[in-house]
Amino acid sequence: MAFYLGKKAEEFATHRWTLYVRGPRDEDLSSFVEKVIFTLHPSFPQPIRGKTQCI
């Protein structure tokens, strides 16, 4: 999901992104997935980012 930051946005950061990783039937994936890697466009700072946090 993307949230537009409006007037407080910087020139190259206009949205705040939230990503969800979910199994096909909403099952708990913590026993299968330890880390998720996101590969962004190379123009982004840190274009390869990993997340280990579960919410």
PDB file of N, CA and C in Angstrom:
ATOM      1  N   MET A   1       0.842  -1.158   0.000  1.00  0.00           N
ATOM      2  CA  MET A   1       0.000   0.000   0.000  1.00  0.00           C
ATOM      3  C   MET A   1       0.896   1.233   0.000  1.00  0.00           C
ATOM      4  N   ALA A   2       0.464   2.245  -0.655  1.00  0.00           N
ATOM      5  CA  ALA A   2       1.210   3.492  -0.696  1.00  0.00           C
ATOM      6  C   ALA A   2       0.364   4.607  -0.100  1.00  0.00           C
ATOM      7  N   PHE A   3       1.008   5.410   0.713  1.00  0.00           N
ATOM      8  CA  PHE A   3       0.342   6.566   1.313  1.00  0.00           C
ATOM      9  C   PHE A   3       1.060   7.823   0.840  1.00  0.00           C
ATOM     10  N   TYR A   4       0.325   8.709   0.191  1.00  0.00           N
ATOM     11  CA  TYR A   4       0.892   9.957  -0.293  1.00  0.00           C
ATOM     12  C   TYR A   4       1.222  10.850   0.891  1.00  0.00           C
ATOM     13  N   LEU A   5       2.427  11.395   0.909  1.00  0.00           N
ATOM     14  CA  LEU A   5       2.877  12.215   2.031  1.00  0.00           C
ATOM     15  C   LEU A   5       2.452  13.673   1.919  1.00  0.00           C
ATOM     16  N   GLY A   6       1.910  14.061   0.788  1.00  0.00           N
ATOM     17  CA  GLY A   6       1.403  15.422   0.634  1.00  0.00           C
ATOM     18  C   GLY A   6       2.497  16.469   0.704  1.00  0.00           C
ATOM     19  N   LYS A   7       2.203  17.579   1.342  1.00  0.00           N
ATOM     20  CA  LYS A   7       3.127  18.715   1.385  1.00  0.00           C
ATOM     21  C   LYS A   7       4.406  18.427   2.157  1.00  0.00           C
ATOM     22  N   LYS A   8       4.391  17.448   3.068  1.00  0.00           N
ATOM     23  CA  LYS A   8       5.610  17.150   3.819  1.00  0.00           C
ATOM     24  C   LYS A   8       6.540  16.202   3.055  1.00  0.00           C
ATOM     25  N   ALA A   9       6.179  15.846   1.825  1.00  0.00           N
ATOM     26  CA  ALA A   9       6.991  14.946   1.008  1.00  0.00           C
ATOM     27  C   ALA A   9       8.240  15.655   0.503  1.00  0.00           C
ATOM     28  N   GLU A  10       9.301  14.875   0.389  1.00  0.00           N
ATOM     29  CA  GLU A  10      10.529  15.376  -0.222  1.00  0.00           C
ATOM     30  C   GLU A  10      10.422  15.163  -1.729  1.00  0.00           C
ATOM     31  N   GLU A  11      11.344  15.747  -2.470  1.00  0.00           N
ATOM     32  CA  GLU A  11      11.276  15.678  -3.926  1.00  0.00           C
ATOM     33  C   GLU A  11      11.246  14.233  -4.447  1.00  0.00           C
ATOM     34  N   PHE A  12      12.066  13.356  -3.867  1.00  0.00           N
ATOM     35  CA  PHE A  12      12.157  11.984  -4.362  1.00  0.00           C
ATOM     36  C   PHE A  12      11.521  10.968  -3.415  1.00  0.00           C
ATOM     37  N   ALA A  13      10.790  11.410  -2.422  1.00  0.00           N
ATOM     38  CA  ALA A  13      10.109  10.502  -1.490  1.00  0.00           C
ATOM     39  C   ALA A  13       8.694  11.016  -1.270  1.00  0.00           C
ATOM     40  N   THR A  14       7.829  10.726  -2.216  1.00  0.00           N
ATOM     41  CA  THR A  14       6.472  11.279  -2.173  1.00  0.00           C
ATOM     42  C   THR A  14       5.455  10.359  -1.504  1.00  0.00           C
ATOM     43  N   HIS A  15       5.830   9.094  -1.297  1.00  0.00           N
ATOM     44  CA  HIS A  15       4.910   8.120  -0.710  1.00  0.00           C
ATOM     45  C   HIS A  15       5.604   7.322   0.394  1.00  0.00           C
ATOM     46  N   ARG A  16       4.819   6.839   1.332  1.00  0.00           N
ATOM     47  CA  ARG A  16       5.310   5.885   2.332  1.00  0.00           C
ATOM     48  C   ARG A  16       4.681   4.539   1.973  1.00  0.00           C
ATOM     49  N   TRP A  17       5.519   3.531   1.838  1.00  0.00           N
ATOM     50  CA  TRP A  17       5.061   2.220   1.390  1.00  0.00           C
ATOM     51  C   TRP A  17       4.972   1.239   2.543  1.00  0.00           C
ATOM     52  N   THR A  18       3.940   0.404   2.521  1.00  0.00           N
ATOM     53  CA  THR A  18       3.780  -0.695   3.467  1.00  0.00           C
ATOM     54  C   THR A  18       3.571  -1.964   2.650  1.00  0.00           C
ATOM     55  N   LEU A  19       4.381  -2.978   2.937  1.00  0.00           N
ATOM     56  CA  LEU A  19       4.293  -4.242   2.201  1.00  0.00           C
ATOM     57  C   LEU A  19       3.915  -5.359   3.149  1.00  0.00           C
ATOM     58  N   TYR A  20       3.092  -6.254   2.664  1.00  0.00           N
ATOM     59  CA  TYR A  20       2.652  -7.401   3.457  1.00  0.00           C
ATOM     60  C   TYR A  20       3.029  -8.681   2.721  1.00  0.00           C
ATOM     61  N   VAL A  21       3.522  -9.659   3.464  1.00  0.00           N
ATOM     62  CA  VAL A  21       3.813 -10.977   2.905  1.00  0.00           C
ATOM     63  C   VAL A  21       2.870 -11.947   3.594  1.00  0.00           C
ATOM     64  N   ARG A  22       2.097 -12.648   2.792  1.00  0.00           N
ATOM     65  CA  ARG A  22       1.064 -13.505   3.354  1.00  0.00           C
ATOM     66  C   ARG A  22       0.985 -14.797   2.538  1.00  0.00           C
ATOM     67  N   GLY A  23       0.687 -15.895   3.198  1.00  0.00           N
ATOM     68  CA  GLY A  23       0.497 -17.163   2.510  1.00  0.00           C
ATOM     69  C   GLY A  23      -0.836 -17.190   1.790  1.00  0.00           C
ATOM     70  N   PRO A  24      -1.045 -18.177   0.912  1.00  0.00           N
ATOM     71  CA  PRO A  24      -2.276 -18.219   0.123  1.00  0.00           C
ATOM     72  C   PRO A  24      -3.546 -18.391   0.956  1.00  0.00           C
ATOM     73  N   ARG A  25      -3.432 -18.980   2.143  1.00  0.00           N
ATOM     74  CA  ARG A  25      -4.613 -19.169   2.995  1.00  0.00           C
ATOM     75  C   ARG A  25      -4.421 -18.516   4.365  1.00  0.00           C
ATOM     76  N   ASP A  26      -3.640 -17.441   4.399  1.00  0.00           N
ATOM     77  CA  ASP A  26      -3.366 -16.685   5.634  1.00  0.00           C
ATOM     78  C   ASP A  26      -2.699 -17.517   6.730  1.00  0.00           C
ATOM     79  N   GLU A  27      -2.021 -18.609   6.360  1.00  0.00           N
ATOM     80  CA  GLU A  27      -1.345 -19.416   7.366  1.00  0.00           C
ATOM     81  C   GLU A  27      -0.089 -18.714   7.877  1.00  0.00           C
ATOM     82  N   ASP A  28       0.395 -19.132   9.024  1.00  0.00           N
ATOM     83  CA  ASP A  28       1.604 -18.572   9.625  1.00  0.00           C
ATOM     84  C   ASP A  28       2.809 -19.033   8.810  1.00  0.00           C
ATOM     85  N   LEU A  29       3.570 -18.103   8.273  1.00  0.00           N
ATOM     86  CA  LEU A  29       4.728 -18.431   7.448  1.00  0.00           C
ATOM     87  C   LEU A  29       6.040 -18.391   8.222  1.00  0.00           C
ATOM     88  N   SER A  30       6.000 -18.099   9.501  1.00  0.00           N
ATOM     89  CA  SER A  30       7.238 -17.903  10.266  1.00  0.00           C
ATOM     90  C   SER A  30       8.111 -19.154  10.319  1.00  0.00           C
ATOM     91  N   SER A  31       7.550 -20.334  10.145  1.00  0.00           N
ATOM     92  CA  SER A  31       8.376 -21.543  10.144  1.00  0.00           C
ATOM     93  C   SER A  31       9.024 -21.783   8.777  1.00  0.00           C
ATOM     94  N   PHE A  32       8.595 -21.053   7.745  1.00  0.00           N
ATOM     95  CA  PHE A  32       9.142 -21.204   6.401  1.00  0.00           C
ATOM     96  C   PHE A  32       9.972 -20.001   5.963  1.00  0.00           C
ATOM     97  N   VAL A  33       9.571 -18.825   6.375  1.00  0.00           N
ATOM     98  CA  VAL A  33      10.189 -17.586   5.892  1.00  0.00           C
ATOM     99  C   VAL A  33      10.936 -16.917   7.034  1.00  0.00           C
ATOM    100  N   GLU A  34      12.235 -16.719   6.828  1.00  0.00           N
ATOM    101  CA  GLU A  34      13.047 -16.045   7.840  1.00  0.00           C
ATOM    102  C   GLU A  34      13.290 -14.586   7.472  1.00  0.00           C
ATOM    103  N   LYS A  35      13.400 -14.324   6.163  1.00  0.00           N
ATOM    104  CA  LYS A  35      13.725 -12.978   5.704  1.00  0.00           C
ATOM    105  C   LYS A  35      13.109 -12.772   4.324  1.00  0.00           C
ATOM    106  N   VAL A  36      12.688 -11.545   4.047  1.00  0.00           N
ATOM    107  CA  VAL A  36      12.165 -11.187   2.730  1.00  0.00           C
ATOM    108  C   VAL A  36      13.090 -10.126   2.153  1.00  0.00           C
ATOM    109  N   ILE A  37      13.515 -10.329   0.916  1.00  0.00           N
ATOM    110  CA  ILE A  37      14.408  -9.394   0.231  1.00  0.00           C
ATOM    111  C   ILE A  37      13.603  -8.657  -0.836  1.00  0.00           C
ATOM    112  N   PHE A  38      13.686  -7.333  -0.823  1.00  0.00           N
ATOM    113  CA  PHE A  38      13.033  -6.496  -1.827  1.00  0.00           C
ATOM    114  C   PHE A  38      14.112  -5.889  -2.715  1.00  0.00           C
ATOM    115  N   THR A  39      13.967  -6.041  -4.023  1.00  0.00           N
ATOM    116  CA  THR A  39      14.897  -5.458  -4.977  1.00  0.00           C
ATOM    117  C   THR A  39      14.191  -4.286  -5.650  1.00  0.00           C
ATOM    118  N   LEU A  40      14.688  -3.088  -5.351  1.00  0.00           N
ATOM    119  CA  LEU A  40      14.103  -1.863  -5.897  1.00  0.00           C
ATOM    120  C   LEU A  40      14.869  -1.437  -7.142  1.00  0.00           C
ATOM    121  N   HIS A  41      14.378  -0.431  -7.808  1.00  0.00           N
ATOM    122  CA  HIS A  41      15.073   0.130  -8.967  1.00  0.00           C
ATOM    123  C   HIS A  41      16.460   0.595  -8.526  1.00  0.00           C
ATOM    124  N   PRO A  42      17.490   0.392  -9.361  1.00  0.00           N
ATOM    125  CA  PRO A  42      18.856   0.777  -8.977  1.00  0.00           C
ATOM    126  C   PRO A  42      19.036   2.254  -8.639  1.00  0.00           C
ATOM    127  N   SER A  43      18.123   3.111  -9.040  1.00  0.00           N
ATOM    128  CA  SER A  43      18.259   4.537  -8.730  1.00  0.00           C
ATOM    129  C   SER A  43      17.965   4.841  -7.259  1.00  0.00           C
ATOM    130  N   PHE A  44      17.366   3.904  -6.533  1.00  0.00           N
ATOM    131  CA  PHE A  44      17.078   4.101  -5.111  1.00  0.00           C
ATOM    132  C   PHE A  44      18.346   3.908  -4.287  1.00  0.00           C
ATOM    133  N   PRO A  45      18.485   4.687  -3.191  1.00  0.00           N
ATOM    134  CA  PRO A  45      19.566   4.374  -2.262  1.00  0.00           C
ATOM    135  C   PRO A  45      19.252   3.012  -1.636  1.00  0.00           C
ATOM    136  N   GLN A  46      20.250   2.200  -1.469  1.00  0.00           N
ATOM    137  CA  GLN A  46      20.058   0.843  -0.930  1.00  0.00           C
ATOM    138  C   GLN A  46      18.984   0.097  -1.724  1.00  0.00           C
ATOM    139  N   PRO A  47      19.221  -0.206  -2.996  1.00  0.00           N
ATOM    140  CA  PRO A  47      18.175  -0.812  -3.813  1.00  0.00           C
ATOM    141  C   PRO A  47      17.810  -2.247  -3.422  1.00  0.00           C
ATOM    142  N   ILE A  48      18.667  -2.921  -2.664  1.00  0.00           N
ATOM    143  CA  ILE A  48      18.337  -4.264  -2.179  1.00  0.00           C
ATOM    144  C   ILE A  48      18.175  -4.177  -0.674  1.00  0.00           C
ATOM    145  N   ARG A  49      16.973  -4.473  -0.206  1.00  0.00           N
ATOM    146  CA  ARG A  49      16.652  -4.315   1.215  1.00  0.00           C
ATOM    147  C   ARG A  49      16.039  -5.600   1.744  1.00  0.00           C
ATOM    148  N   GLY A  50      16.440  -5.975   2.950  1.00  0.00           N
ATOM    149  CA  GLY A  50      15.910  -7.177   3.574  1.00  0.00           C
ATOM    150  C   GLY A  50      15.170  -6.831   4.853  1.00  0.00           C
ATOM    151  N   LYS A  51      14.117  -7.568   5.118  1.00  0.00           N
ATOM    152  CA  LYS A  51      13.334  -7.366   6.341  1.00  0.00           C
ATOM    153  C   LYS A  51      13.154  -8.700   7.048  1.00  0.00           C
ATOM    154  N   THR A  52      13.342  -8.673   8.372  1.00  0.00           N
ATOM    155  CA  THR A  52      13.140  -9.869   9.180  1.00  0.00           C
ATOM    156  C   THR A  52      12.052  -9.662  10.221  1.00  0.00           C
ATOM    157  N   GLN A  53      11.486  -8.493  10.278  1.00  0.00           N
ATOM    158  CA  GLN A  53      10.491  -8.149  11.296  1.00  0.00           C
ATOM    159  C   GLN A  53       9.129  -8.743  10.965  1.00  0.00           C
ATOM    160  N   CYS A  54       8.510  -9.343  11.955  1.00  0.00           N
ATOM    161  CA  CYS A  54       7.140  -9.848  11.811  1.00  0.00           C
ATOM    162  C   CYS A  54       6.211  -8.961  12.620  1.00  0.00           C
ATOM    163  N   ILE A  55       5.092  -8.641  12.036  1.00  0.00           N
ATOM    164  CA  ILE A  55       4.112  -7.808  12.741  1.00  0.00           C
ATOM    165  C   ILE A  55       2.902  -8.644  13.073  1.00  0.00           C
TER     166      ILE A  55
END
